[in-house]
Amino acid sequence: KQMNENKKIPKRYRTDIPAIIEKWGSLNSGKVINTTLSEIFEICERDYRKRLSYYGLINYLKREYDVTLVIESQKQK
């Protein structure tokens, strides 16, 4: 299940996936990527700087690559 970087990537994630691979390395099954909202926003820009803007990407990575993307919020609790 290794050559999964050659998958057909939906248009909306076409720039995100290569940027993620460049930053964190190959998307191996079971991988967990811990990042912050600021960091993910720099490499995968969205219209809104909110975690919910990345839910689609999080679900896509989990479904297609079995990669868990964890975005920490920097808001003070």
PDB file of N, CA and C in Angstrom:
ATOM      1  N   LYS A   1       0.855  -1.205   0.000  1.00  0.00           N
ATOM      2  CA  LYS A   1       0.000   0.000   0.000  1.00  0.00           C
ATOM      3  C   LYS A   1       0.887   1.250   0.000  1.00  0.00           C
ATOM      4  N   GLN A   2       2.008   1.163  -0.678  1.00  0.00           N
ATOM      5  CA  GLN A   2       3.003   2.217  -0.561  1.00  0.00           C
ATOM      6  C   GLN A   2       2.883   3.320  -1.608  1.00  0.00           C
ATOM      7  N   MET A   3       2.677   2.973  -2.854  1.00  0.00           N
ATOM      8  CA  MET A   3       2.709   3.986  -3.920  1.00  0.00           C
ATOM      9  C   MET A   3       1.429   4.812  -3.982  1.00  0.00           C
ATOM     10  N   ASN A   4       0.864   5.106  -2.833  1.00  0.00           N
ATOM     11  CA  ASN A   4      -0.404   5.823  -2.824  1.00  0.00           C
ATOM     12  C   ASN A   4      -0.275   7.314  -3.112  1.00  0.00           C
ATOM     13  N   GLU A   5       0.953   7.803  -3.327  1.00  0.00           N
ATOM     14  CA  GLU A   5       1.084   9.207  -3.702  1.00  0.00           C
ATOM     15  C   GLU A   5       0.750   9.433  -5.178  1.00  0.00           C
ATOM     16  N   ASN A   6       0.606   8.348  -5.927  1.00  0.00           N
ATOM     17  CA  ASN A   6       0.256   8.467  -7.342  1.00  0.00           C
ATOM     18  C   ASN A   6      -1.254   8.410  -7.552  1.00  0.00           C
ATOM     19  N   LYS A   7      -1.993   8.409  -6.477  1.00  0.00           N
ATOM     20  CA  LYS A   7      -3.448   8.427  -6.543  1.00  0.00           C
ATOM     21  C   LYS A   7      -3.954   9.648  -7.300  1.00  0.00           C
ATOM     22  N   LYS A   8      -5.126   9.487  -7.894  1.00  0.00           N
ATOM     23  CA  LYS A   8      -5.760  10.649  -8.520  1.00  0.00           C
ATOM     24  C   LYS A   8      -6.303  11.530  -7.394  1.00  0.00           C
ATOM     25  N   ILE A   9      -5.784  12.734  -7.324  1.00  0.00           N
ATOM     26  CA  ILE A   9      -6.150  13.648  -6.235  1.00  0.00           C
ATOM     27  C   ILE A   9      -7.240  14.603  -6.720  1.00  0.00           C
ATOM     28  N   PRO A  10      -8.327  14.741  -5.955  1.00  0.00           N
ATOM     29  CA  PRO A  10      -9.370  15.702  -6.350  1.00  0.00           C
ATOM     30  C   PRO A  10      -8.793  17.108  -6.478  1.00  0.00           C
ATOM     31  N   LYS A  11      -9.363  17.864  -7.378  1.00  0.00           N
ATOM     32  CA  LYS A  11      -8.852  19.205  -7.708  1.00  0.00           C
ATOM     33  C   LYS A  11      -8.633  20.069  -6.469  1.00  0.00           C
ATOM     34  N   ARG A  12      -9.555  20.027  -5.524  1.00  0.00           N
ATOM     35  CA  ARG A  12      -9.435  20.931  -4.375  1.00  0.00           C
ATOM     36  C   ARG A  12      -8.277  20.595  -3.452  1.00  0.00           C
ATOM     37  N   TYR A  13      -7.722  19.372  -3.564  1.00  0.00           N
ATOM     38  CA  TYR A  13      -6.583  18.994  -2.720  1.00  0.00           C
ATOM     39  C   TYR A  13      -5.296  18.874  -3.522  1.00  0.00           C
ATOM     40  N   ARG A  14      -5.334  19.264  -4.791  1.00  0.00           N
ATOM     41  CA  ARG A  14      -4.205  19.050  -5.683  1.00  0.00           C
ATOM     42  C   ARG A  14      -2.935  19.771  -5.255  1.00  0.00           C
ATOM     43  N   THR A  15      -3.055  20.931  -4.654  1.00  0.00           N
ATOM     44  CA  THR A  15      -1.862  21.637  -4.164  1.00  0.00           C
ATOM     45  C   THR A  15      -1.561  21.248  -2.717  1.00  0.00           C
ATOM     46  N   ASP A  16      -2.599  20.845  -1.968  1.00  0.00           N
ATOM     47  CA  ASP A  16      -2.419  20.490  -0.553  1.00  0.00           C
ATOM     48  C   ASP A  16      -1.559  19.251  -0.375  1.00  0.00           C
ATOM     49  N   ILE A  17      -1.879  18.184  -1.115  1.00  0.00           N
ATOM     50  CA  ILE A  17      -1.203  16.899  -0.915  1.00  0.00           C
ATOM     51  C   ILE A  17       0.308  17.004  -1.181  1.00  0.00           C
ATOM     52  N   PRO A  18       0.741  17.566  -2.326  1.00  0.00           N
ATOM     53  CA  PRO A  18       2.197  17.713  -2.525  1.00  0.00           C
ATOM     54  C   PRO A  18       2.853  18.589  -1.454  1.00  0.00           C
ATOM     55  N   ALA A  19       2.158  19.629  -1.004  1.00  0.00           N
ATOM     56  CA  ALA A  19       2.709  20.514   0.035  1.00  0.00           C
ATOM     57  C   ALA A  19       2.867  19.757   1.354  1.00  0.00           C
ATOM     58  N   ILE A  20       1.897  18.915   1.672  1.00  0.00           N
ATOM     59  CA  ILE A  20       1.961  18.111   2.892  1.00  0.00           C
ATOM     60  C   ILE A  20       3.102  17.100   2.802  1.00  0.00           C
ATOM     61  N   ILE A  21       3.245  16.460   1.643  1.00  0.00           N
ATOM     62  CA  ILE A  21       4.318  15.483   1.445  1.00  0.00           C
ATOM     63  C   ILE A  21       5.684  16.168   1.554  1.00  0.00           C
ATOM     64  N   GLU A  22       5.788  17.373   0.984  1.00  0.00           N
ATOM     65  CA  GLU A  22       7.049  18.115   1.042  1.00  0.00           C
ATOM     66  C   GLU A  22       7.421  18.466   2.484  1.00  0.00           C
ATOM     67  N   LYS A  23       6.413  18.837   3.269  1.00  0.00           N
ATOM     68  CA  LYS A  23       6.658  19.272   4.647  1.00  0.00           C
ATOM     69  C   LYS A  23       6.881  18.098   5.608  1.00  0.00           C
ATOM     70  N   TRP A  24       6.054  17.064   5.496  1.00  0.00           N
ATOM     71  CA  TRP A  24       6.078  15.983   6.490  1.00  0.00           C
ATOM     72  C   TRP A  24       6.503  14.623   5.928  1.00  0.00           C
ATOM     73  N   GLY A  25       6.866  14.578   4.666  1.00  0.00           N
ATOM     74  CA  GLY A  25       7.301  13.303   4.095  1.00  0.00           C
ATOM     75  C   GLY A  25       6.137  12.482   3.575  1.00  0.00           C
ATOM     76  N   SER A  26       6.445  11.281   3.110  1.00  0.00           N
ATOM     77  CA  SER A  26       5.435  10.472   2.422  1.00  0.00           C
ATOM     78  C   SER A  26       4.265  10.124   3.336  1.00  0.00           C
ATOM     79  N   LEU A  27       3.121   9.903   2.700  1.00  0.00           N
ATOM     80  CA  LEU A  27       1.892   9.625   3.431  1.00  0.00           C
ATOM     81  C   LEU A  27       1.744   8.125   3.624  1.00  0.00           C
ATOM     82  N   ASN A  28       2.450   7.601   4.615  1.00  0.00           N
ATOM     83  CA  ASN A  28       2.377   6.175   4.913  1.00  0.00           C
ATOM     84  C   ASN A  28       1.135   5.874   5.725  1.00  0.00           C
ATOM     85  N   SER A  29       0.583   4.700   5.485  1.00  0.00           N
ATOM     86  CA  SER A  29      -0.584   4.259   6.237  1.00  0.00           C
ATOM     87  C   SER A  29      -0.286   4.283   7.731  1.00  0.00           C
ATOM     88  N   GLY A  30      -1.197   4.866   8.500  1.00  0.00           N
ATOM     89  CA  GLY A  30      -1.027   4.922   9.949  1.00  0.00           C
ATOM     90  C   GLY A  30      -0.280   6.140  10.454  1.00  0.00           C
ATOM     91  N   LYS A  31       0.228   6.965   9.537  1.00  0.00           N
ATOM     92  CA  LYS A  31       0.990   8.151   9.936  1.00  0.00           C
ATOM     93  C   LYS A  31       0.086   9.160  10.652  1.00  0.00           C
ATOM     94  N   VAL A  32       0.664   9.837  11.634  1.00  0.00           N
ATOM     95  CA  VAL A  32      -0.055  10.908  12.334  1.00  0.00           C
ATOM     96  C   VAL A  32       0.743  12.193  12.157  1.00  0.00           C
ATOM     97  N   ILE A  33       0.088  13.226  11.661  1.00  0.00           N
ATOM     98  CA  ILE A  33       0.723  14.529  11.478  1.00  0.00           C
ATOM     99  C   ILE A  33       0.103  15.487  12.488  1.00  0.00           C
ATOM    100  N   ASN A  34       0.922  15.989  13.399  1.00  0.00           N
ATOM    101  CA  ASN A  34       0.461  16.984  14.364  1.00  0.00           C
ATOM    102  C   ASN A  34       0.942  18.351  13.895  1.00  0.00           C
ATOM    103  N   THR A  35       0.021  19.272  13.770  1.00  0.00           N
ATOM    104  CA  THR A  35       0.377  20.604  13.303  1.00  0.00           C
ATOM    105  C   THR A  35      -0.486  21.632  14.018  1.00  0.00           C
ATOM    106  N   THR A  36      -0.189  22.880  13.758  1.00  0.00           N
ATOM    107  CA  THR A  36      -1.013  23.954  14.312  1.00  0.00           C
ATOM    108  C   THR A  36      -1.796  24.582  13.174  1.00  0.00           C
ATOM    109  N   LEU A  37      -2.801  25.319  13.524  1.00  0.00           N
ATOM    110  CA  LEU A  37      -3.609  25.995  12.522  1.00  0.00           C
ATOM    111  C   LEU A  37      -2.747  26.953  11.704  1.00  0.00           C
ATOM    112  N   SER A  38      -1.847  27.680  12.374  1.00  0.00           N
ATOM    113  CA  SER A  38      -0.975  28.629  11.659  1.00  0.00           C
ATOM    114  C   SER A  38      -0.086  27.914  10.653  1.00  0.00           C
ATOM    115  N   GLU A  39       0.464  26.768  11.067  1.00  0.00           N
ATOM    116  CA  GLU A  39       1.379  26.031  10.206  1.00  0.00           C
ATOM    117  C   GLU A  39       0.658  25.451   8.977  1.00  0.00           C
ATOM    118  N   ILE A  40      -0.496  24.826   9.192  1.00  0.00           N
ATOM    119  CA  ILE A  40      -1.228  24.228   8.065  1.00  0.00           C
ATOM    120  C   ILE A  40      -1.752  25.325   7.131  1.00  0.00           C
ATOM    121  N   PHE A  41      -2.118  26.464   7.706  1.00  0.00           N
ATOM    122  CA  PHE A  41      -2.613  27.581   6.892  1.00  0.00           C
ATOM    123  C   PHE A  41      -1.526  28.111   5.962  1.00  0.00           C
ATOM    124  N   GLU A  42      -0.278  28.056   6.406  1.00  0.00           N
ATOM    125  CA  GLU A  42       0.833  28.517   5.562  1.00  0.00           C
ATOM    126  C   GLU A  42       1.045  27.634   4.341  1.00  0.00           C
ATOM    127  N   ILE A  43       0.858  26.319   4.503  1.00  0.00           N
ATOM    128  CA  ILE A  43       1.128  25.428   3.373  1.00  0.00           C
ATOM    129  C   ILE A  43      -0.131  25.034   2.600  1.00  0.00           C
ATOM    130  N   CYS A  44      -1.283  25.051   3.253  1.00  0.00           N
ATOM    131  CA  CYS A  44      -2.557  24.725   2.590  1.00  0.00           C
ATOM    132  C   CYS A  44      -3.536  25.855   2.877  1.00  0.00           C
ATOM    133  N   GLU A  45      -3.425  26.907   2.102  1.00  0.00           N
ATOM    134  CA  GLU A  45      -4.211  28.093   2.395  1.00  0.00           C
ATOM    135  C   GLU A  45      -5.705  27.866   2.163  1.00  0.00           C
ATOM    136  N   ARG A  46      -6.514  28.474   2.999  1.00  0.00           N
ATOM    137  CA  ARG A  46      -7.967  28.412   2.890  1.00  0.00           C
ATOM    138  C   ARG A  46      -8.527  29.829   2.965  1.00  0.00           C
ATOM    139  N   ASP A  47      -9.803  29.970   2.609  1.00  0.00           N
ATOM    140  CA  ASP A  47     -10.451  31.282   2.700  1.00  0.00           C
ATOM    141  C   ASP A  47     -10.556  31.742   4.150  1.00  0.00           C
ATOM    142  N   TYR A  48     -10.803  30.799   5.035  1.00  0.00           N
ATOM    143  CA  TYR A  48     -10.952  31.137   6.451  1.00  0.00           C
ATOM    144  C   TYR A  48      -9.904  30.401   7.262  1.00  0.00           C
ATOM    145  N   ARG A  49      -9.324  31.088   8.226  1.00  0.00           N
ATOM    146  CA  ARG A  49      -8.302  30.498   9.076  1.00  0.00           C
ATOM    147  C   ARG A  49      -8.985  29.825  10.266  1.00  0.00           C
ATOM    148  N   LYS A  50      -9.707  28.752   9.963  1.00  0.00           N
ATOM    149  CA  LYS A  50     -10.440  28.027  10.997  1.00  0.00           C
ATOM    150  C   LYS A  50     -10.204  26.541  10.806  1.00  0.00           C
ATOM    151  N   ARG A  51     -10.247  25.795  11.910  1.00  0.00           N
ATOM    152  CA  ARG A  51     -10.045  24.353  11.803  1.00  0.00           C
ATOM    153  C   ARG A  51     -11.077  23.708  10.907  1.00  0.00           C
ATOM    154  N   LEU A  52     -12.305  24.187  10.953  1.00  0.00           N
ATOM    155  CA  LEU A  52     -13.338  23.531  10.158  1.00  0.00           C
ATOM    156  C   LEU A  52     -13.084  23.673   8.656  1.00  0.00           C
ATOM    157  N   SER A  53     -12.264  24.639   8.259  1.00  0.00           N
ATOM    158  CA  SER A  53     -11.881  24.771   6.846  1.00  0.00           C
ATOM    159  C   SER A  53     -11.079  23.563   6.371  1.00  0.00           C
ATOM    160  N   TYR A  54     -10.510  22.814   7.311  1.00  0.00           N
ATOM    161  CA  TYR A  54      -9.651  21.677   6.962  1.00  0.00           C
ATOM    162  C   TYR A  54     -10.315  20.326   7.191  1.00  0.00           C
ATOM    163  N   TYR A  55     -11.573  20.308   7.615  1.00  0.00           N
ATOM    164  CA  TYR A  55     -12.243  19.029   7.879  1.00  0.00           C
ATOM    165  C   TYR A  55     -12.280  18.138   6.645  1.00  0.00           C
ATOM    166  N   GLY A  56     -12.517  18.730   5.486  1.00  0.00           N
ATOM    167  CA  GLY A  56     -12.533  17.948   4.241  1.00  0.00           C
ATOM    168  C   GLY A  56     -11.189  17.300   3.981  1.00  0.00           C
ATOM    169  N   LEU A  57     -10.132  18.080   4.152  1.00  0.00           N
ATOM    170  CA  LEU A  57      -8.775  17.572   3.948  1.00  0.00           C
ATOM    171  C   LEU A  57      -8.449  16.480   4.975  1.00  0.00           C
ATOM    172  N   ILE A  58      -8.818  16.698   6.227  1.00  0.00           N
ATOM    173  CA  ILE A  58      -8.590  15.712   7.286  1.00  0.00           C
ATOM    174  C   ILE A  58      -9.283  14.393   6.922  1.00  0.00           C
ATOM    175  N   ASN A  59     -10.533  14.482   6.505  1.00  0.00           N
ATOM    176  CA  ASN A  59     -11.292  13.282   6.135  1.00  0.00           C
ATOM    177  C   ASN A  59     -10.719  12.606   4.896  1.00  0.00           C
ATOM    178  N   TYR A  60     -10.308  13.408   3.928  1.00  0.00           N
ATOM    179  CA  TYR A  60      -9.714  12.865   2.701  1.00  0.00           C
ATOM    180  C   TYR A  60      -8.424  12.103   3.009  1.00  0.00           C
ATOM    181  N   LEU A  61      -7.552  12.701   3.815  1.00  0.00           N
ATOM    182  CA  LEU A  61      -6.288  12.045   4.176  1.00  0.00           C
ATOM    183  C   LEU A  61      -6.547  10.742   4.918  1.00  0.00           C
ATOM    184  N   LYS A  62      -7.527  10.739   5.808  1.00  0.00           N
ATOM    185  CA  LYS A  62      -7.852   9.536   6.582  1.00  0.00           C
ATOM    186  C   LYS A  62      -8.406   8.446   5.660  1.00  0.00           C
ATOM    187  N   ARG A  63      -9.333   8.830   4.803  1.00  0.00           N
ATOM    188  CA  ARG A  63     -10.003   7.869   3.924  1.00  0.00           C
ATOM    189  C   ARG A  63      -9.054   7.297   2.876  1.00  0.00           C
ATOM    190  N   GLU A  64      -8.294   8.169   2.220  1.00  0.00           N
ATOM    191  CA  GLU A  64      -7.484   7.731   1.076  1.00  0.00           C
ATOM    192  C   GLU A  64      -6.093   7.240   1.448  1.00  0.00           C
ATOM    193  N   TYR A  65      -5.523   7.770   2.517  1.00  0.00           N
ATOM    194  CA  TYR A  65      -4.127   7.448   2.850  1.00  0.00           C
ATOM    195  C   TYR A  65      -3.981   6.815   4.228  1.00  0.00           C
ATOM    196  N   ASP A  66      -5.069   6.761   5.009  1.00  0.00           N
ATOM    197  CA  ASP A  66      -5.006   6.321   6.402  1.00  0.00           C
ATOM    198  C   ASP A  66      -3.997   7.162   7.189  1.00  0.00           C
ATOM    199  N   VAL A  67      -4.007   8.467   6.909  1.00  0.00           N
ATOM    200  CA  VAL A  67      -3.143   9.420   7.608  1.00  0.00           C
ATOM    201  C   VAL A  67      -4.031  10.293   8.483  1.00  0.00           C
ATOM    202  N   THR A  68      -3.639  10.456   9.736  1.00  0.00           N
ATOM    203  CA  THR A  68      -4.400  11.283  10.669  1.00  0.00           C
ATOM    204  C   THR A  68      -3.745  12.653  10.750  1.00  0.00           C
ATOM    205  N   LEU A  69      -4.500  13.671  10.378  1.00  0.00           N
ATOM    206  CA  LEU A  69      -4.014  15.046  10.469  1.00  0.00           C
ATOM    207  C   LEU A  69      -4.662  15.678  11.698  1.00  0.00           C
ATOM    208  N   VAL A  70      -3.818  16.067  12.665  1.00  0.00           N
ATOM    209  CA  VAL A  70      -4.304  16.675  13.905  1.00  0.00           C
ATOM    210  C   VAL A  70      -3.907  18.141  13.879  1.00  0.00           C
ATOM    211  N   ILE A  71      -4.913  19.012  13.903  1.00  0.00           N
ATOM    212  CA  ILE A  71      -4.648  20.454  13.889  1.00  0.00           C
ATOM    213  C   ILE A  71      -4.969  21.013  15.274  1.00  0.00           C
ATOM    214  N   GLU A  72      -3.911  21.444  15.942  1.00  0.00           N
ATOM    215  CA  GLU A  72      -4.076  22.028  17.277  1.00  0.00           C
ATOM    216  C   GLU A  72      -4.543  23.476  17.115  1.00  0.00           C
ATOM    217  N   SER A  73      -5.467  23.866  17.924  1.00  0.00           N
ATOM    218  CA  SER A  73      -5.902  25.254  17.933  1.00  0.00           C
ATOM    219  C   SER A  73      -5.027  26.019  18.919  1.00  0.00           C
ATOM    220  N   GLN A  74      -4.685  27.249  18.556  1.00  0.00           N
ATOM    221  CA  GLN A  74      -3.860  28.042  19.469  1.00  0.00           C
ATOM    222  C   GLN A  74      -4.692  28.950  20.367  1.00  0.00           C
ATOM    223  N   LYS A  75      -6.008  28.831  20.235  1.00  0.00           N
ATOM    224  CA  LYS A  75      -6.867  29.660  21.082  1.00  0.00           C
ATOM    225  C   LYS A  75      -6.645  29.302  22.538  1.00  0.00           C
ATOM    226  N   GLN A  76      -6.647  30.305  23.375  1.00  0.00           N
ATOM    227  CA  GLN A  76      -6.499  30.070  24.815  1.00  0.00           C
ATOM    228  C   GLN A  76      -7.814  29.526  25.353  1.00  0.00           C
ATOM    229  N   LYS A  77      -7.709  28.476  26.121  1.00  0.00           N
ATOM    230  CA  LYS A  77      -8.932  27.873  26.688  1.00  0.00           C
ATOM    231  C   LYS A  77      -9.377  28.652  27.913  1.00  0.00           C
TER     232      LYS A  77
END
